[in-house]
Protein backbone atom coordinates (compact mmCIF):
# COMPACT_ATOMS: atom_id res chain seq x y z
CA UNK A 1 0.03 0.11 0.00
CA UNK A 2 1.41 3.42 -1.09
CA UNK A 3 1.81 5.77 1.93
CA UNK A 4 2.12 9.11 -0.48
CA UNK A 5 -1.49 9.58 -0.70
CA UNK A 6 -2.50 9.07 2.81
CA UNK A 7 -1.37 10.42 6.34
CA UNK A 8 0.53 8.26 8.79
CA UNK A 9 -2.27 7.59 10.92
CA UNK A 10 -4.48 6.38 7.97
CA UNK A 11 -1.77 4.07 7.08
CA UNK A 12 -1.70 2.71 10.51
CA UNK A 13 -5.33 2.58 10.89
CA UNK A 14 -5.45 0.74 7.37
CA UNK A 15 -3.07 -1.98 8.57
CA UNK A 16 -4.87 -2.65 12.08
CA UNK A 17 -8.43 -2.98 10.25
CA UNK A 18 -9.85 -6.32 9.43
CA UNK A 19 -11.75 -7.22 6.58
CA UNK A 20 -15.07 -7.42 8.25
CA UNK A 21 -18.46 -8.91 7.25
CA UNK A 22 -21.51 -8.00 9.38
CA UNK A 23 -24.92 -6.09 9.51
CA UNK A 24 -24.84 -2.50 8.63
CA UNK A 25 -27.01 -0.07 10.50
CA UNK A 26 -29.63 -0.11 7.70
CA UNK A 27 -30.27 -3.60 8.03
CA UNK A 28 -28.35 -5.17 5.17
CA UNK A 29 -25.50 -7.57 5.40
CA UNK A 30 -22.13 -7.07 3.62
CA UNK A 31 -18.44 -6.21 3.84
CA UNK A 32 -17.27 -2.87 5.71
CA UNK A 33 -15.42 -0.33 3.54
CA UNK A 34 -14.15 1.30 6.67
CA UNK A 35 -13.10 1.14 10.22
CA UNK A 36 -15.95 2.99 11.16
CA UNK A 37 -18.39 0.67 9.47
CA UNK A 38 -16.70 -2.14 11.04
CA UNK A 39 -17.12 -0.90 14.39
CA UNK A 40 -20.88 -0.38 13.55
CA UNK A 41 -21.44 -3.85 12.80
CA UNK A 42 -21.01 -4.80 16.46
CA UNK A 43 -20.50 -8.14 18.09
CA UNK A 44 -21.68 -10.49 15.42
CA UNK A 45 -19.47 -9.16 12.94
CA UNK A 46 -16.96 -11.72 11.28
CA UNK A 47 -13.21 -10.99 10.60
CA UNK A 48 -13.08 -12.67 7.24
CA UNK A 49 -9.26 -12.15 6.88
CA UNK A 50 -8.57 -13.71 10.51
CA UNK A 51 -10.88 -16.73 9.51
CA UNK A 52 -9.27 -17.48 6.13
CA UNK A 53 -5.70 -17.19 7.19
CA UNK A 54 -6.19 -19.10 10.39
CA UNK A 55 -8.18 -21.84 8.62
CA UNK A 56 -5.62 -21.96 5.60
CA UNK A 57 -2.73 -22.36 7.97
CA UNK A 58 -4.43 -24.99 10.09
CA UNK A 59 -5.17 -27.09 6.98
CA UNK A 60 -1.59 -26.29 5.55
CA UNK A 61 -0.30 -27.64 8.77
CA UNK A 62 -2.85 -30.94 8.54
CA UNK A 63 -1.72 -31.62 5.06
CA UNK A 64 1.97 -31.35 5.49
CA UNK A 65 2.42 -33.43 8.65
CA UNK A 66 -0.21 -36.09 7.30
CA UNK A 67 1.67 -36.47 4.09
CA UNK A 68 5.03 -36.95 5.89
CA UNK A 69 3.44 -39.41 8.20
CA UNK A 70 2.17 -41.44 5.18
CA UNK A 71 5.79 -41.18 3.51
CA UNK A 72 7.39 -42.07 6.98
CA UNK A 73 10.06 -44.67 6.62
CA UNK A 74 11.61 -46.73 9.39
CA UNK A 75 15.40 -46.27 7.43
CA UNK A 76 16.92 -43.21 7.11
CA UNK A 77 14.37 -40.07 7.30
CA UNK A 78 14.50 -37.50 4.65
CA UNK A 79 14.85 -33.98 5.43
CA UNK A 80 11.05 -33.10 5.88
CA UNK A 81 10.52 -36.24 7.69
CA UNK A 82 13.38 -35.52 10.20
CA UNK A 83 12.22 -32.04 10.61
CA UNK A 84 8.59 -33.23 11.68
CA UNK A 85 10.08 -35.90 14.00
CA UNK A 86 11.94 -33.31 15.58
CA UNK A 87 8.91 -31.17 16.29
CA UNK A 88 6.92 -34.28 17.59
CA UNK A 89 9.80 -35.36 19.82
CA UNK A 90 9.87 -31.88 21.18
CA UNK A 91 6.15 -31.77 21.89
CA UNK A 92 6.25 -35.33 23.25
CA UNK A 93 9.04 -34.31 25.97
CA UNK A 94 7.04 -31.23 26.80
CA UNK A 95 3.94 -33.21 27.53
CA UNK A 96 5.97 -35.77 29.44
CA UNK A 97 7.52 -33.07 31.53
CA UNK A 98 4.33 -31.29 32.52
CA UNK A 99 1.51 -33.79 32.17
CA UNK A 100 1.41 -36.50 34.93
CA UNK A 101 -1.74 -38.25 34.27
CA UNK A 102 -2.84 -40.41 30.91
CA UNK A 103 -4.97 -38.96 28.18
CA UNK A 104 -4.21 -39.54 24.64
CA UNK A 105 -5.92 -36.43 23.54
CA UNK A 106 -3.04 -33.99 25.30
CA UNK A 107 -0.23 -34.84 22.99
CA UNK A 108 -2.02 -34.13 19.72
CA UNK A 109 -3.54 -31.15 21.11
CA UNK A 110 -0.16 -29.78 22.31
CA UNK A 111 1.28 -30.49 18.87
CA UNK A 112 -1.47 -28.74 16.94
CA UNK A 113 -1.52 -25.74 19.22
CA UNK A 114 2.31 -25.13 19.00
CA UNK A 115 2.40 -25.75 15.20
CA UNK A 116 -0.81 -23.62 14.44
CA UNK A 117 -0.15 -20.82 16.78
CA UNK A 118 3.55 -20.86 15.30
CA UNK A 119 2.23 -20.53 11.62
CA UNK A 120 0.00 -17.87 12.68
CA UNK A 121 2.55 -15.94 14.25
CA UNK A 122 5.10 -16.59 11.25
CA UNK A 123 2.50 -14.55 9.10
CA UNK A 124 4.07 -11.57 10.85
CA UNK A 125 7.35 -11.74 9.14
CA UNK A 126 5.68 -11.09 5.66
CA UNK A 127 6.26 -7.65 4.84
CA UNK A 128 3.22 -5.67 5.86
CA UNK A 129 2.33 -4.10 2.59
CA UNK A 130 2.76 -7.19 0.23
CA UNK A 131 -0.28 -9.06 0.81
CA UNK A 132 -2.68 -5.94 1.36
CA UNK A 133 -1.14 -4.35 -1.66
CA UNK A 134 -1.84 -7.61 -3.74
CA UNK A 135 -5.55 -7.84 -2.50
CA UNK A 136 -6.34 -4.52 -3.75
CA UNK A 137 -4.55 -4.75 -6.89
CA UNK A 138 -6.64 -8.12 -7.67
CA UNK A 139 -9.74 -6.42 -6.32
CA UNK A 140 -10.23 -9.01 -3.60
CA UNK A 141 -10.53 -6.78 -0.54
CA UNK A 142 -9.46 -3.30 0.36
CA UNK A 143 -8.63 -4.46 4.01
CA UNK A 144 -6.67 -7.48 4.98
CA UNK A 145 -4.79 -8.47 8.03
CA UNK A 146 -2.69 -11.54 7.67
CA UNK A 147 -1.45 -12.19 11.18
CA UNK A 148 -4.47 -14.11 12.78
CA UNK A 149 -3.05 -14.04 16.33
CA UNK A 150 -3.07 -10.15 16.09
CA UNK A 151 -6.75 -10.52 16.36
CA UNK A 152 -8.28 -10.88 19.89
CA UNK A 153 -11.18 -13.14 18.46
CA UNK A 154 -8.84 -15.56 17.36
CA UNK A 155 -6.53 -15.72 20.41
CA UNK A 156 -9.83 -15.84 22.63
CA UNK A 157 -11.37 -18.58 20.67
CA UNK A 158 -8.26 -20.80 21.33
CA UNK A 159 -8.01 -20.12 24.76
CA UNK A 160 -11.94 -20.63 25.36
CA UNK A 161 -11.47 -23.91 23.63
CA UNK A 162 -8.69 -24.78 25.98
CA UNK A 163 -10.77 -23.57 28.90
CA UNK A 164 -13.76 -25.75 28.07
CA UNK A 165 -11.53 -29.04 27.73
CA UNK A 166 -10.17 -28.40 31.07
CA UNK A 167 -13.68 -27.96 32.56
CA UNK A 168 -14.87 -31.08 30.85
CA UNK A 169 -11.85 -33.24 32.08
CA UNK A 170 -12.07 -31.52 35.57
CA UNK A 171 -15.75 -32.81 35.79
CA UNK A 172 -14.83 -35.94 34.17
CA UNK A 173 -11.84 -36.86 36.25
CA UNK A 174 -12.85 -35.48 39.62
CA UNK A 175 -16.82 -35.85 39.44
CA UNK A 176 -19.13 -32.75 40.07
CA UNK A 177 -18.68 -32.94 43.67
CA UNK A 178 -14.66 -33.02 43.15
CA UNK A 179 -14.76 -30.13 40.88
CA UNK A 180 -17.22 -27.94 43.02
CA UNK A 181 -14.93 -29.19 46.16
CA UNK A 182 -12.01 -27.35 44.50
CA UNK A 183 -13.69 -24.24 43.93
CA UNK A 184 -15.19 -23.86 47.57
CA UNK A 185 -12.91 -25.85 49.92
CA UNK A 186 -9.44 -24.16 49.16
CA UNK A 187 -7.24 -22.45 49.62
CA UNK A 188 -8.81 -21.73 52.99
CA UNK A 189 -9.46 -24.69 55.00
CA UNK A 190 -10.87 -25.42 58.59
CA UNK A 191 -12.17 -28.46 60.64
CA UNK A 192 -14.88 -26.56 62.20
CA UNK A 193 -17.97 -27.24 60.10
CA UNK A 194 -19.39 -23.72 60.67
CA UNK A 195 -15.87 -21.95 60.00
CA UNK A 196 -15.84 -24.22 56.82
CA UNK A 197 -19.12 -23.06 55.82
CA UNK A 198 -18.26 -19.46 56.10
CA UNK A 199 -15.27 -19.89 54.14
CA UNK A 200 -16.92 -21.22 51.29
CA UNK A 201 -18.12 -18.07 49.58
CA UNK A 202 -14.55 -16.58 50.04
CA UNK A 203 -12.98 -19.62 48.37
CA UNK A 204 -15.48 -19.60 45.65
CA UNK A 205 -14.74 -16.15 44.92
CA UNK A 206 -10.84 -16.48 44.90
CA UNK A 207 -10.89 -19.89 42.94
CA UNK A 208 -13.50 -18.54 40.39
CA UNK A 209 -11.38 -15.43 39.84
CA UNK A 210 -8.38 -17.95 39.29
CA UNK A 211 -10.45 -19.96 36.97
CA UNK A 212 -11.49 -17.37 34.70
CA UNK A 213 -8.26 -15.71 34.38
CA UNK A 214 -6.58 -18.50 33.09
CA UNK A 215 -8.44 -18.23 29.32
CA UNK A 216 -8.08 -14.38 29.54
CA UNK A 217 -4.37 -14.41 30.30
CA UNK A 218 -3.64 -17.20 27.78
CA UNK A 219 -5.36 -15.21 24.96
CA UNK A 220 -4.37 -11.73 25.97
CA UNK A 221 -0.57 -12.88 26.25
CA UNK A 222 -0.38 -14.15 22.74
CA UNK A 223 -2.53 -11.25 21.47
CA UNK A 224 -0.37 -8.41 23.04
CA UNK A 225 2.69 -9.79 22.31
CA UNK A 226 1.84 -10.31 18.64
CA UNK A 227 -0.22 -7.14 18.37
CA UNK A 228 3.00 -5.12 19.56
CA UNK A 229 5.42 -6.85 17.02
CA UNK A 230 2.88 -6.11 14.15
CA UNK A 231 2.66 -2.52 15.38
CA UNK A 232 6.50 -2.06 15.24
CA UNK A 233 6.74 -3.64 11.73
CA UNK A 234 4.02 -1.05 10.64
CA UNK A 235 5.83 1.99 12.26
CA UNK A 236 9.23 0.98 10.47
CA UNK A 237 7.50 0.61 6.99
CA UNK A 238 6.33 4.08 7.60
CA UNK A 239 10.08 5.24 7.28
CA UNK A 240 10.23 4.23 3.80
CA UNK A 241 8.27 7.19 2.51
CA UNK A 242 10.76 9.53 4.34
CA UNK A 243 13.35 9.42 1.80
CA UNK A 244 16.14 7.01 0.83
CA UNK A 245 18.41 7.76 4.00
CA UNK A 246 15.35 6.80 6.33
CA UNK A 247 14.28 4.15 4.01
CA UNK A 248 17.64 2.29 4.35
CA UNK A 249 17.60 2.80 7.89
CA UNK A 250 14.22 1.38 8.36
CA UNK A 251 15.34 -1.61 6.13
CA UNK A 252 18.11 -2.49 8.51
CA UNK A 253 15.73 -1.91 11.65
CA UNK A 254 13.21 -4.30 9.93
CA UNK A 255 15.75 -6.94 9.52
CA UNK A 256 17.11 -6.70 12.97
CA UNK A 257 13.31 -6.58 14.48
CA UNK A 258 12.53 -9.71 12.16
CA UNK A 259 15.72 -11.86 13.53
CA UNK A 260 14.52 -10.95 16.91
CA UNK A 261 10.79 -11.53 16.33
CA UNK A 262 11.61 -15.33 15.14
CA UNK A 263 12.40 -15.50 18.78
CA UNK A 264 9.08 -14.18 19.92
CA UNK A 265 6.83 -16.04 17.72
CA UNK A 266 8.18 -19.28 18.76
CA UNK A 267 8.32 -18.35 22.31
CA UNK A 268 4.79 -17.39 22.45
CA UNK A 269 3.87 -20.71 20.70
CA UNK A 270 5.77 -22.46 23.34
CA UNK A 271 4.17 -20.76 26.12
CA UNK A 272 0.67 -21.15 24.73
CA UNK A 273 1.32 -24.94 24.52
CA UNK A 274 2.89 -25.34 27.68
CA UNK A 275 0.12 -23.45 29.53
CA UNK A 276 -2.44 -25.75 27.83
CA UNK A 277 -0.70 -28.83 29.02
CA UNK A 278 -0.30 -27.47 32.50
CA UNK A 279 -4.08 -26.74 32.68
CA UNK A 280 -5.01 -29.92 31.30
CA UNK A 281 -2.72 -31.57 34.06
CA UNK A 282 -4.52 -29.52 36.67
CA UNK A 283 -7.98 -30.81 35.32
CA UNK A 284 -6.66 -34.45 35.84
CA UNK A 285 -5.22 -33.74 39.43
CA UNK A 286 -7.43 -34.06 42.23
CA UNK A 287 -6.47 -31.10 44.99
CA UNK A 288 -9.01 -31.96 47.37
CA UNK A 289 -8.61 -34.57 50.11
CA UNK A 290 -11.90 -36.39 50.64
């Protein structure tokens, strides 16, 4: 996208606006043509770019890994097979270190989360103007955000999915009574029945806040780090319109930040995966003595 005909604030707003589909104030459904129209669509609006890129990257992960799995050999592995096996072994070791129970779902879940989140984060390394410029030239869309993890709807969606799984296994493993006991009988305990009864509201408040904070912190941590990284790339891109000297300096800064950002995108994928494993382990562990 050219920065010669728009202001810096308009350039930043353009790159931070999703391709949004929803209901307009007059009642008809369609795509928003400005950030203001997208805001007016409210809660039920859909970010088409976030949906497309997240589903595309998820499908790419499934296709690539399944293809390698079908071609896997017992002999000397090829480069791609060796790469996939390295990732699988890394995730498997992480599960063994953090998950003490037995559940065949946890390892595939951890692998999916790590690779999927990493691929979504990896989109941040694509120059910020390339895909938006291409979609405009092809008359596909005027707005296009290509990093799904910079959209809080995506990160909250994944975090809520993990949260629902932890609730399900908490009830399945501990029973309804055990799960409610964890929410009401700790951290403060008492042998006196009356005192124990009085402590139930206090324990419930503290444990409920702790329970709800898990998906919130899980989603906001990923969103905040990736959004900040994307913002830095956008600000650096503004330097290209300030002359050759600033453009050259901007190119140097972009390279340095991209190299550093590789560590960030990998670390954020690892943290999301690790916390998922820890939350699943907590769901399988009974912390209340019956």
